[in-house]
Every structure is written in C-alpha cells, then in structure tokens.
Amino acid sequence: TCFVGDRTGEAMLSTLIDRAQALDIPYRENVMITR
C-alpha cells in the first residue's frame, strides 16, 4: 500500500484535478442529477 501519510486520497485527487485543469477539462459544480 503506497501512501501519502494518512491523506492519500486527498493528495491523489489534487493531482488528478491539476492534470484535468492542465487539459482544460470543463467542470461544473453544485449540480444534482435526478434522472
């Protein structure tokens, strides 16, 4: 099990978001899908 202290998920998601932003992937927040 590879790790970043005890905040592995947080560090990993931050990395993925940085990569997504570098690729200009659009994101829309505070949206709830019901159907």
Full PDB file with SEQRES, HELIX, SHEET, SSBOND, CRYST1, ORIGX, SCALE, CONECT and MASTER records, all heavy atoms in Angstrom:
SEQRES   1 A   35  THR CYS PHE VAL GLY ASP ARG THR GLY GLU ALA MET LEU          
SEQRES   2 A   35  SER THR LEU ILE ASP ARG ALA GLN ALA LEU ASP ILE PRO          
SEQRES   3 A   35  TYR ARG GLU ASN VAL MET ILE THR ARG                          
HELIX    1 AA1 THR A    8  ALA A   22  1                                  15    
CRYST1    1.000    1.000    1.000  90.00  90.00  90.00 P 1           1          
ORIGX1      1.000000  0.000000  0.000000        0.00000                         
ORIGX2      0.000000  1.000000  0.000000        0.00000                         
ORIGX3      0.000000  0.000000  1.000000        0.00000                         
SCALE1      1.000000  0.000000  0.000000        0.00000                         
SCALE2      0.000000  1.000000  0.000000        0.00000                         
SCALE3      0.000000  0.000000  1.000000        0.00000                         
ATOM      1  N   THR A   1       0.829  -1.199   0.000  1.00  0.00           N  
ATOM      2  CA  THR A   1       0.000   0.000   0.000  1.00  0.00           C  
ATOM      3  C   THR A   1       0.866   1.253   0.000  1.00  0.00           C  
ATOM      4  O   THR A   1       1.550   1.564   0.979  1.00  0.00           O  
ATOM      5  CB  THR A   1      -0.935  -0.002   1.222  1.00  0.00           C  
ATOM      6  OG1 THR A   1      -1.681  -1.224   1.226  1.00  0.00           O  
ATOM      7  CG2 THR A   1      -1.893   1.160   1.168  1.00  0.00           C  
ATOM      8  N   CYS A   2       0.839   1.970  -1.121  1.00  0.00           N  
ATOM      9  CA  CYS A   2       1.554   3.243  -1.249  1.00  0.00           C  
ATOM     10  C   CYS A   2       0.736   4.318  -0.526  1.00  0.00           C  
ATOM     11  O   CYS A   2      -0.490   4.246  -0.479  1.00  0.00           O  
ATOM     12  CB  CYS A   2       1.722   3.613  -2.718  1.00  0.00           C  
ATOM     13  SG  CYS A   2       2.366   2.276  -3.756  1.00  0.00           S  
ATOM     14  N   PHE A   3       1.405   5.340  -0.027  1.00  0.00           N  
ATOM     15  CA  PHE A   3       0.677   6.287   0.811  1.00  0.00           C  
ATOM     16  C   PHE A   3       1.329   7.657   0.817  1.00  0.00           C  
ATOM     17  O   PHE A   3       2.521   7.818   0.508  1.00  0.00           O  
ATOM     18  CB  PHE A   3       0.558   5.763   2.237  1.00  0.00           C  
ATOM     19  CG  PHE A   3       1.884   5.492   2.925  1.00  0.00           C  
ATOM     20  CD1 PHE A   3       2.479   6.438   3.745  1.00  0.00           C  
ATOM     21  CD2 PHE A   3       2.541   4.279   2.732  1.00  0.00           C  
ATOM     22  CE1 PHE A   3       3.700   6.187   4.370  1.00  0.00           C  
ATOM     23  CE2 PHE A   3       3.756   4.015   3.353  1.00  0.00           C  
ATOM     24  CZ  PHE A   3       4.342   4.968   4.172  1.00  0.00           C  
ATOM     25  N   VAL A   4       0.503   8.644   1.172  1.00  0.00           N  
ATOM     26  CA  VAL A   4       0.976   9.996   1.473  1.00  0.00           C  
ATOM     27  C   VAL A   4       0.515  10.270   2.902  1.00  0.00           C  
ATOM     28  O   VAL A   4      -0.578  10.777   3.130  1.00  0.00           O  
ATOM     29  CB  VAL A   4       0.376  11.034   0.499  1.00  0.00           C  
ATOM     30  CG1 VAL A   4       0.938  12.429   0.800  1.00  0.00           C  
ATOM     31  CG2 VAL A   4       0.641  10.651  -0.955  1.00  0.00           C  
ATOM     32  N   GLY A   5       1.338   9.873   3.867  1.00  0.00           N  
ATOM     33  CA  GLY A   5       0.927   9.961   5.268  1.00  0.00           C  
ATOM     34  C   GLY A   5      -0.400   9.254   5.451  1.00  0.00           C  
ATOM     35  O   GLY A   5      -0.573   8.106   5.066  1.00  0.00           O  
ATOM     36  N   ASP A   6      -1.380   9.970   6.012  1.00  0.00           N  
ATOM     37  CA  ASP A   6      -2.741   9.434   6.100  1.00  0.00           C  
ATOM     38  C   ASP A   6      -3.718  10.376   5.400  1.00  0.00           C  
ATOM     39  O   ASP A   6      -4.845  10.592   5.832  1.00  0.00           O  
ATOM     40  CB  ASP A   6      -3.156   9.197   7.554  1.00  0.00           C  
ATOM     41  CG  ASP A   6      -3.081  10.450   8.410  1.00  0.00           C  
ATOM     42  OD1 ASP A   6      -2.645  11.506   7.899  1.00  0.00           O  
ATOM     43  OD2 ASP A   6      -3.467  10.393   9.593  1.00  0.00           O  
ATOM     44  N   ARG A   7      -3.253  10.930   4.272  1.00  0.00           N  
ATOM     45  CA  ARG A   7      -4.117  11.778   3.439  1.00  0.00           C  
ATOM     46  C   ARG A   7      -3.936  11.421   1.963  1.00  0.00           C  
ATOM     47  O   ARG A   7      -3.905  12.280   1.091  1.00  0.00           O  
ATOM     48  CB  ARG A   7      -3.814  13.264   3.684  1.00  0.00           C  
ATOM     49  CG  ARG A   7      -2.384  13.660   3.392  1.00  0.00           C  
ATOM     50  CD  ARG A   7      -2.127  15.156   3.612  1.00  0.00           C  
ATOM     51  NE  ARG A   7      -0.848  15.560   3.041  1.00  0.00           N  
ATOM     52  CZ  ARG A   7      -0.675  15.967   1.796  1.00  0.00           C  
ATOM     53  NH1 ARG A   7      -1.710  16.027   0.974  1.00  0.00           N  
ATOM     54  NH2 ARG A   7       0.502  16.317   1.353  1.00  0.00           N  
ATOM     55  N   THR A   8      -3.853  10.132   1.694  1.00  0.00           N  
ATOM     56  CA  THR A   8      -3.533   9.667   0.348  1.00  0.00           C  
ATOM     57  C   THR A   8      -4.590  10.084  -0.671  1.00  0.00           C  
ATOM     58  O   THR A   8      -4.271  10.571  -1.761  1.00  0.00           O  
ATOM     59  CB  THR A   8      -3.381   8.141   0.339  1.00  0.00           C  
ATOM     60  OG1 THR A   8      -2.483   7.763   1.386  1.00  0.00           O  
ATOM     61  CG2 THR A   8      -2.835   7.650  -0.987  1.00  0.00           C  
ATOM     62  N   GLY A   9      -5.866   9.888  -0.349  1.00  0.00           N  
ATOM     63  CA  GLY A   9      -6.919  10.246  -1.288  1.00  0.00           C  
ATOM     64  C   GLY A   9      -6.924  11.719  -1.621  1.00  0.00           C  
ATOM     65  O   GLY A   9      -7.111  12.111  -2.791  1.00  0.00           O  
ATOM     66  N   GLU A  10      -6.727  12.553  -0.621  1.00  0.00           N  
ATOM     67  CA  GLU A  10      -6.684  13.998  -0.835  1.00  0.00           C  
ATOM     68  C   GLU A  10      -5.549  14.375  -1.783  1.00  0.00           C  
ATOM     69  O   GLU A  10      -5.735  15.154  -2.729  1.00  0.00           O  
ATOM     70  CB  GLU A  10      -6.511  14.701   0.508  1.00  0.00           C  
ATOM     71  CG  GLU A  10      -6.371  16.209   0.425  1.00  0.00           C  
ATOM     72  CD  GLU A  10      -6.069  16.830   1.773  1.00  0.00           C  
ATOM     73  OE1 GLU A  10      -6.180  16.125   2.797  1.00  0.00           O  
ATOM     74  OE2 GLU A  10      -5.702  18.018   1.802  1.00  0.00           O  
ATOM     75  N   ALA A  11      -4.356  13.811  -1.542  1.00  0.00           N  
ATOM     76  CA  ALA A  11      -3.202  14.121  -2.393  1.00  0.00           C  
ATOM     77  C   ALA A  11      -3.413  13.614  -3.814  1.00  0.00           C  
ATOM     78  O   ALA A  11      -3.067  14.283  -4.796  1.00  0.00           O  
ATOM     79  CB  ALA A  11      -1.943  13.500  -1.787  1.00  0.00           C  
ATOM     80  N   MET A  12      -3.987  12.431  -3.935  1.00  0.00           N  
ATOM     81  CA  MET A  12      -4.226  11.834  -5.243  1.00  0.00           C  
ATOM     82  C   MET A  12      -5.249  12.640  -6.037  1.00  0.00           C  
ATOM     83  O   MET A  12      -5.065  12.918  -7.235  1.00  0.00           O  
ATOM     84  CB  MET A  12      -4.704  10.402  -5.042  1.00  0.00           C  
ATOM     85  CG  MET A  12      -5.052   9.648  -6.287  1.00  0.00           C  
ATOM     86  SD  MET A  12      -5.463   7.947  -5.820  1.00  0.00           S  
ATOM     87  CE  MET A  12      -6.538   7.509  -7.175  1.00  0.00           C  
ATOM     88  N   LEU A  13      -6.356  13.034  -5.405  1.00  0.00           N  
ATOM     89  CA  LEU A  13      -7.372  13.811  -6.110  1.00  0.00           C  
ATOM     90  C   LEU A  13      -6.829  15.167  -6.534  1.00  0.00           C  
ATOM     91  O   LEU A  13      -7.119  15.652  -7.639  1.00  0.00           O  
ATOM     92  CB  LEU A  13      -8.606  13.987  -5.232  1.00  0.00           C  
ATOM     93  CG  LEU A  13      -9.773  14.718  -5.901  1.00  0.00           C  
ATOM     94  CD1 LEU A  13     -10.249  13.972  -7.143  1.00  0.00           C  
ATOM     95  CD2 LEU A  13     -10.929  14.913  -4.922  1.00  0.00           C  
ATOM     96  N   SER A  14      -6.033  15.785  -5.679  1.00  0.00           N  
ATOM     97  CA  SER A  14      -5.421  17.062  -6.043  1.00  0.00           C  
ATOM     98  C   SER A  14      -4.571  16.916  -7.301  1.00  0.00           C  
ATOM     99  O   SER A  14      -4.598  17.773  -8.197  1.00  0.00           O  
ATOM    100  CB  SER A  14      -4.570  17.578  -4.877  1.00  0.00           C  
ATOM    101  OG  SER A  14      -3.914  18.775  -5.225  1.00  0.00           O  
ATOM    102  N   THR A  15      -3.826  15.815  -7.382  1.00  0.00           N  
ATOM    103  CA  THR A  15      -3.002  15.553  -8.567  1.00  0.00           C  
ATOM    104  C   THR A  15      -3.868  15.391  -9.806  1.00  0.00           C  
ATOM    105  O   THR A  15      -3.561  15.951 -10.881  1.00  0.00           O  
ATOM    106  CB  THR A  15      -2.166  14.279  -8.347  1.00  0.00           C  
ATOM    107  OG1 THR A  15      -1.287  14.482  -7.251  1.00  0.00           O  
ATOM    108  CG2 THR A  15      -1.361  13.930  -9.590  1.00  0.00           C  
ATOM    109  N   LEU A  16      -4.943  14.634  -9.699  1.00  0.00           N  
ATOM    110  CA  LEU A  16      -5.819  14.399 -10.847  1.00  0.00           C  
ATOM    111  C   LEU A  16      -6.506  15.687 -11.286  1.00  0.00           C  
ATOM    112  O   LEU A  16      -6.670  15.941 -12.495  1.00  0.00           O  
ATOM    113  CB  LEU A  16      -6.846  13.328 -10.508  1.00  0.00           C  
ATOM    114  CG  LEU A  16      -6.291  11.911 -10.310  1.00  0.00           C  
ATOM    115  CD1 LEU A  16      -7.369  10.985  -9.758  1.00  0.00           C  
ATOM    116  CD2 LEU A  16      -5.722  11.354 -11.618  1.00  0.00           C  
ATOM    117  N   ILE A  17      -6.917  16.503 -10.349  1.00  0.00           N  
ATOM    118  CA  ILE A  17      -7.549  17.773 -10.703  1.00  0.00           C  
ATOM    119  C   ILE A  17      -6.559  18.685 -11.410  1.00  0.00           C  
ATOM    120  O   ILE A  17      -6.888  19.347 -12.410  1.00  0.00           O  
ATOM    121  CB  ILE A  17      -8.133  18.450  -9.450  1.00  0.00           C  
ATOM    122  CG1 ILE A  17      -9.369  17.678  -8.978  1.00  0.00           C  
ATOM    123  CG2 ILE A  17      -8.492  19.904  -9.728  1.00  0.00           C  
ATOM    124  CD1 ILE A  17      -9.942  18.178  -7.677  1.00  0.00           C  
ATOM    125  N   ASP A  18      -5.327  18.732 -10.911  1.00  0.00           N  
ATOM    126  CA  ASP A  18      -4.303  19.537 -11.583  1.00  0.00           C  
ATOM    127  C   ASP A  18      -4.107  19.062 -13.024  1.00  0.00           C  
ATOM    128  O   ASP A  18      -3.973  19.876 -13.946  1.00  0.00           O  
ATOM    129  CB  ASP A  18      -2.979  19.450 -10.825  1.00  0.00           C  
ATOM    130  CG  ASP A  18      -2.997  20.222  -9.519  1.00  0.00           C  
ATOM    131  OD1 ASP A  18      -3.929  21.028  -9.317  1.00  0.00           O  
ATOM    132  OD2 ASP A  18      -2.083  20.004  -8.695  1.00  0.00           O  
ATOM    133  N   ARG A  19      -4.088  17.745 -13.217  1.00  0.00           N  
ATOM    134  CA  ARG A  19      -3.925  17.205 -14.562  1.00  0.00           C  
ATOM    135  C   ARG A  19      -5.126  17.552 -15.440  1.00  0.00           C  
ATOM    136  O   ARG A  19      -4.968  17.937 -16.605  1.00  0.00           O  
ATOM    137  CB  ARG A  19      -3.749  15.688 -14.481  1.00  0.00           C  
ATOM    138  CG  ARG A  19      -3.623  14.981 -15.827  1.00  0.00           C  
ATOM    139  CD  ARG A  19      -2.397  15.428 -16.585  1.00  0.00           C  
ATOM    140  NE  ARG A  19      -2.266  14.718 -17.852  1.00  0.00           N  
ATOM    141  CZ  ARG A  19      -1.463  15.094 -18.833  1.00  0.00           C  
ATOM    142  NH1 ARG A  19      -0.695  16.181 -18.684  1.00  0.00           N  
ATOM    143  NH2 ARG A  19      -1.391  14.408 -19.952  1.00  0.00           N  
ATOM    144  N   ALA A  20      -6.333  17.446 -14.887  1.00  0.00           N  
ATOM    145  CA  ALA A  20      -7.539  17.783 -15.643  1.00  0.00           C  
ATOM    146  C   ALA A  20      -7.557  19.257 -16.026  1.00  0.00           C  
ATOM    147  O   ALA A  20      -7.927  19.619 -17.162  1.00  0.00           O  
ATOM    148  CB  ALA A  20      -8.783  17.431 -14.828  1.00  0.00           C  
ATOM    149  N   GLN A  21      -7.134  20.113 -15.118  1.00  0.00           N  
ATOM    150  CA  GLN A  21      -7.100  21.546 -15.427  1.00  0.00           C  
ATOM    151  C   GLN A  21      -6.056  21.864 -16.482  1.00  0.00           C  
ATOM    152  O   GLN A  21      -6.263  22.733 -17.339  1.00  0.00           O  
ATOM    153  CB  GLN A  21      -6.847  22.339 -14.145  1.00  0.00           C  
ATOM    154  CG  GLN A  21      -8.036  22.308 -13.188  1.00  0.00           C  
ATOM    155  CD  GLN A  21      -7.765  23.022 -11.889  1.00  0.00           C  
ATOM    156  OE1 GLN A  21      -6.625  23.138 -11.438  1.00  0.00           O  
ATOM    157  NE2 GLN A  21      -8.823  23.500 -11.245  1.00  0.00           N  
ATOM    158  N   ALA A  22      -4.937  21.135 -16.450  1.00  0.00           N  
ATOM    159  CA  ALA A  22      -3.913  21.342 -17.484  1.00  0.00           C  
ATOM    160  C   ALA A  22      -4.436  20.956 -18.860  1.00  0.00           C  
ATOM    161  O   ALA A  22      -3.985  21.495 -19.881  1.00  0.00           O  
ATOM    162  CB  ALA A  22      -2.667  20.527 -17.143  1.00  0.00           C  
ATOM    163  N   LEU A  23      -5.406  20.042 -18.899  1.00  0.00           N  
ATOM    164  CA  LEU A  23      -6.013  19.617 -20.162  1.00  0.00           C  
ATOM    165  C   LEU A  23      -7.261  20.430 -20.499  1.00  0.00           C  
ATOM    166  O   LEU A  23      -7.952  20.128 -21.481  1.00  0.00           O  
ATOM    167  CB  LEU A  23      -6.378  18.135 -20.085  1.00  0.00           C  
ATOM    168  CG  LEU A  23      -5.209  17.154 -19.995  1.00  0.00           C  
ATOM    169  CD1 LEU A  23      -5.702  15.759 -19.603  1.00  0.00           C  
ATOM    170  CD2 LEU A  23      -4.454  17.104 -21.315  1.00  0.00           C  
ATOM    171  N   ASP A  24      -7.564  21.450 -19.693  1.00  0.00           N  
ATOM    172  CA  ASP A  24      -8.722  22.332 -19.911  1.00  0.00           C  
ATOM    173  C   ASP A  24     -10.046  21.567 -19.933  1.00  0.00           C  
ATOM    174  O   ASP A  24     -10.951  21.869 -20.725  1.00  0.00           O  
ATOM    175  CB  ASP A  24      -8.563  23.138 -21.209  1.00  0.00           C  
ATOM    176  CG  ASP A  24      -7.396  24.107 -21.157  1.00  0.00           C  
ATOM    177  OD1 ASP A  24      -7.173  24.699 -20.084  1.00  0.00           O  
ATOM    178  OD2 ASP A  24      -6.702  24.268 -22.178  1.00  0.00           O  
ATOM    179  N   ILE A  25     -10.169  20.581 -19.058  1.00  0.00           N  
ATOM    180  CA  ILE A  25     -11.423  19.840 -18.962  1.00  0.00           C  
ATOM    181  C   ILE A  25     -12.435  20.691 -18.201  1.00  0.00           C  
ATOM    182  O   ILE A  25     -12.179  21.095 -17.068  1.00  0.00           O  
ATOM    183  CB  ILE A  25     -11.207  18.494 -18.241  1.00  0.00           C  
ATOM    184  CG1 ILE A  25     -10.283  17.594 -19.066  1.00  0.00           C  
ATOM    185  CG2 ILE A  25     -12.538  17.792 -17.992  1.00  0.00           C  
ATOM    186  CD1 ILE A  25      -9.875  16.320 -18.369  1.00  0.00           C  
ATOM    187  N   PRO A  26     -13.590  20.984 -18.794  1.00  0.00           N  
ATOM    188  CA  PRO A  26     -14.581  21.817 -18.091  1.00  0.00           C  
ATOM    189  C   PRO A  26     -15.218  21.073 -16.929  1.00  0.00           C  
ATOM    190  O   PRO A  26     -15.391  19.852 -16.968  1.00  0.00           O  
ATOM    191  CB  PRO A  26     -15.608  22.137 -19.186  1.00  0.00           C  
ATOM    192  CG  PRO A  26     -15.460  21.046 -20.192  1.00  0.00           C  
ATOM    193  CD  PRO A  26     -14.021  20.630 -20.154  1.00  0.00           C  
ATOM    194  N   TYR A  27     -15.580  21.828 -15.918  1.00  0.00           N  
ATOM    195  CA  TYR A  27     -16.168  21.259 -14.704  1.00  0.00           C  
ATOM    196  C   TYR A  27     -17.299  22.155 -14.248  1.00  0.00           C  
ATOM    197  O   TYR A  27     -17.200  23.386 -14.289  1.00  0.00           O  
ATOM    198  CB  TYR A  27     -15.113  21.166 -13.602  1.00  0.00           C  
ATOM    199  CG  TYR A  27     -15.665  20.683 -12.278  1.00  0.00           C  
ATOM    200  CD1 TYR A  27     -15.799  19.328 -12.025  1.00  0.00           C  
ATOM    201  CD2 TYR A  27     -16.072  21.577 -11.297  1.00  0.00           C  
ATOM    202  CE1 TYR A  27     -16.320  18.870 -10.827  1.00  0.00           C  
ATOM    203  CE2 TYR A  27     -16.589  21.136 -10.091  1.00  0.00           C  
ATOM    204  CZ  TYR A  27     -16.714  19.782  -9.864  1.00  0.00           C  
ATOM    205  OH  TYR A  27     -17.239  19.332  -8.679  1.00  0.00           O  
ATOM    206  N   ARG A  28     -18.365  21.540 -13.827  1.00  0.00           N  
ATOM    207  CA  ARG A  28     -19.491  22.306 -13.296  1.00  0.00           C  
ATOM    208  C   ARG A  28     -19.825  21.762 -11.917  1.00  0.00           C  
ATOM    209  O   ARG A  28     -20.085  20.571 -11.748  1.00  0.00           O  
ATOM    210  CB  ARG A  28     -20.696  22.195 -14.222  1.00  0.00           C  
ATOM    211  CG  ARG A  28     -21.850  23.066 -13.795  1.00  0.00           C  
ATOM    212  CD  ARG A  28     -22.765  23.390 -14.952  1.00  0.00           C  
ATOM    213  NE  ARG A  28     -23.826  24.281 -14.519  1.00  0.00           N  
ATOM    214  CZ  ARG A  28     -24.654  24.917 -15.341  1.00  0.00           C  
ATOM    215  NH1 ARG A  28     -24.524  24.755 -16.653  1.00  0.00           N  
ATOM    216  NH2 ARG A  28     -25.597  25.713 -14.875  1.00  0.00           N  
ATOM    217  N   GLU A  29     -19.816  22.632 -10.907  1.00  0.00           N  
ATOM    218  CA  GLU A  29     -20.024  22.205  -9.537  1.00  0.00           C  
ATOM    219  C   GLU A  29     -21.443  22.497  -9.076  1.00  0.00           C  
ATOM    220  O   GLU A  29     -22.199  23.228  -9.729  1.00  0.00           O  
ATOM    221  CB  GLU A  29     -19.014  22.877  -8.604  1.00  0.00           C  
ATOM    222  CG  GLU A  29     -19.053  24.378  -8.618  1.00  0.00           C  
ATOM    223  CD  GLU A  29     -17.886  25.000  -7.860  1.00  0.00           C  
ATOM    224  OE1 GLU A  29     -16.950  24.265  -7.498  1.00  0.00           O  
ATOM    225  OE2 GLU A  29     -17.920  26.217  -7.634  1.00  0.00           O  
ATOM    226  N   ASN A  30     -21.808  21.907  -7.938  1.00  0.00           N  
ATOM    227  CA  ASN A  30     -23.118  22.116  -7.310  1.00  0.00           C  
ATOM    228  C   ASN A  30     -24.269  21.764  -8.248  1.00  0.00           C  
ATOM    229  O   ASN A  30     -25.257  22.492  -8.365  1.00  0.00           O  
ATOM    230  CB  ASN A  30     -23.254  23.561  -6.819  1.00  0.00           C  
ATOM    231  CG  ASN A  30     -22.201  23.914  -5.795  1.00  0.00           C  
ATOM    232  OD1 ASN A  30     -21.980  23.166  -4.842  1.00  0.00           O  
ATOM    233  ND2 ASN A  30     -21.523  25.037  -5.989  1.00  0.00           N  
ATOM    234  N   VAL A  31     -24.147  20.607  -8.894  1.00  0.00           N  
ATOM    235  CA  VAL A  31     -25.185  20.102  -9.792  1.00  0.00           C  
ATOM    236  C   VAL A  31     -25.651  18.746  -9.280  1.00  0.00           C  
ATOM    237  O   VAL A  31     -24.834  17.877  -8.967  1.00  0.00           O  
ATOM    238  CB  VAL A  31     -24.664  19.958 -11.238  1.00  0.00           C  
ATOM    239  CG1 VAL A  31     -25.680  19.215 -12.104  1.00  0.00           C  
ATOM    240  CG2 VAL A  31     -24.354  21.332 -11.831  1.00  0.00           C  
ATOM    241  N   MET A  32     -26.950  18.556  -9.202  1.00  0.00           N  
ATOM    242  CA  MET A  32     -27.508  17.270  -8.774  1.00  0.00           C  
ATOM    243  C   MET A  32     -28.326  16.687  -9.919  1.00  0.00           C  
ATOM    244  O   MET A  32     -29.234  17.341 -10.446  1.00  0.00           O  
ATOM    245  CB  MET A  32     -28.378  17.436  -7.538  1.00  0.00           C  
ATOM    246  CG  MET A  32     -28.724  16.121  -6.859  1.00  0.00           C  
ATOM    247  SD  MET A  32     -29.428  16.423  -5.215  1.00  0.00           S  
ATOM    248  CE  MET A  32     -29.403  14.770  -4.517  1.00  0.00           C  
ATOM    249  N   ILE A  33     -27.988  15.471 -10.313  1.00  0.00           N  
ATOM    250  CA  ILE A  33     -28.716  14.767 -11.363  1.00  0.00           C  
ATOM    251  C   ILE A  33     -29.811  13.921 -10.712  1.00  0.00           C  
ATOM    252  O   ILE A  33     -29.555  13.164  -9.771  1.00  0.00           O  
ATOM    253  CB  ILE A  33     -27.776  13.872 -12.189  1.00  0.00           C  
ATOM    254  CG1 ILE A  33     -26.740  14.730 -12.912  1.00  0.00           C  
ATOM    255  CG2 ILE A  33     -28.570  13.037 -13.192  1.00  0.00           C  
ATOM    256  CD1 ILE A  33     -27.319  15.749 -13.889  1.00  0.00           C  
ATOM    257  N   THR A  34     -31.031  14.044 -11.218  1.00  0.00           N  
ATOM    258  CA  THR A  34     -32.154  13.301 -10.650  1.00  0.00           C  
ATOM    259  C   THR A  34     -32.696  12.240 -11.598  1.00  0.00           C  
ATOM    260  O   THR A  34     -33.456  11.368 -11.165  1.00  0.00           O  
ATOM    261  CB  THR A  34     -33.305  14.254 -10.280  1.00  0.00           C  
ATOM    262  OG1 THR A  34     -33.751  14.935 -11.462  1.00  0.00           O  
ATOM    263  CG2 THR A  34     -32.831  15.284  -9.259  1.00  0.00           C  
ATOM    264  N   ARG A  35     -32.318  12.298 -12.876  1.00  0.00           N  
ATOM    265  CA  ARG A  35     -32.833  11.322 -13.835  1.00  0.00           C  
ATOM    266  C   ARG A  35     -31.920  11.250 -15.045  1.00  0.00           C  
ATOM    267  O   ARG A  35     -31.442  12.276 -15.534  1.00  0.00           O  
ATOM    268  CB  ARG A  35     -34.235  11.713 -14.300  1.00  0.00           C  
ATOM    269  CG  ARG A  35     -34.861  10.762 -15.321  1.00  0.00           C  
ATOM    270  CD  ARG A  35     -36.213  11.281 -15.794  1.00  0.00           C  
ATOM    271  NE  ARG A  35     -36.787  10.431 -16.825  1.00  0.00           N  
ATOM    272  CZ  ARG A  35     -37.629   9.422 -16.599  1.00  0.00           C  
ATOM    273  NH1 ARG A  35     -37.975   9.126 -15.365  1.00  0.00           N  
ATOM    274  NH2 ARG A  35     -38.126   8.711 -17.590  1.00  0.00           N  
TER     275      ARG A  35                                                      
MASTER        0    0    0    1    0    0    0    6  274    1    0    3          
END                                                                             
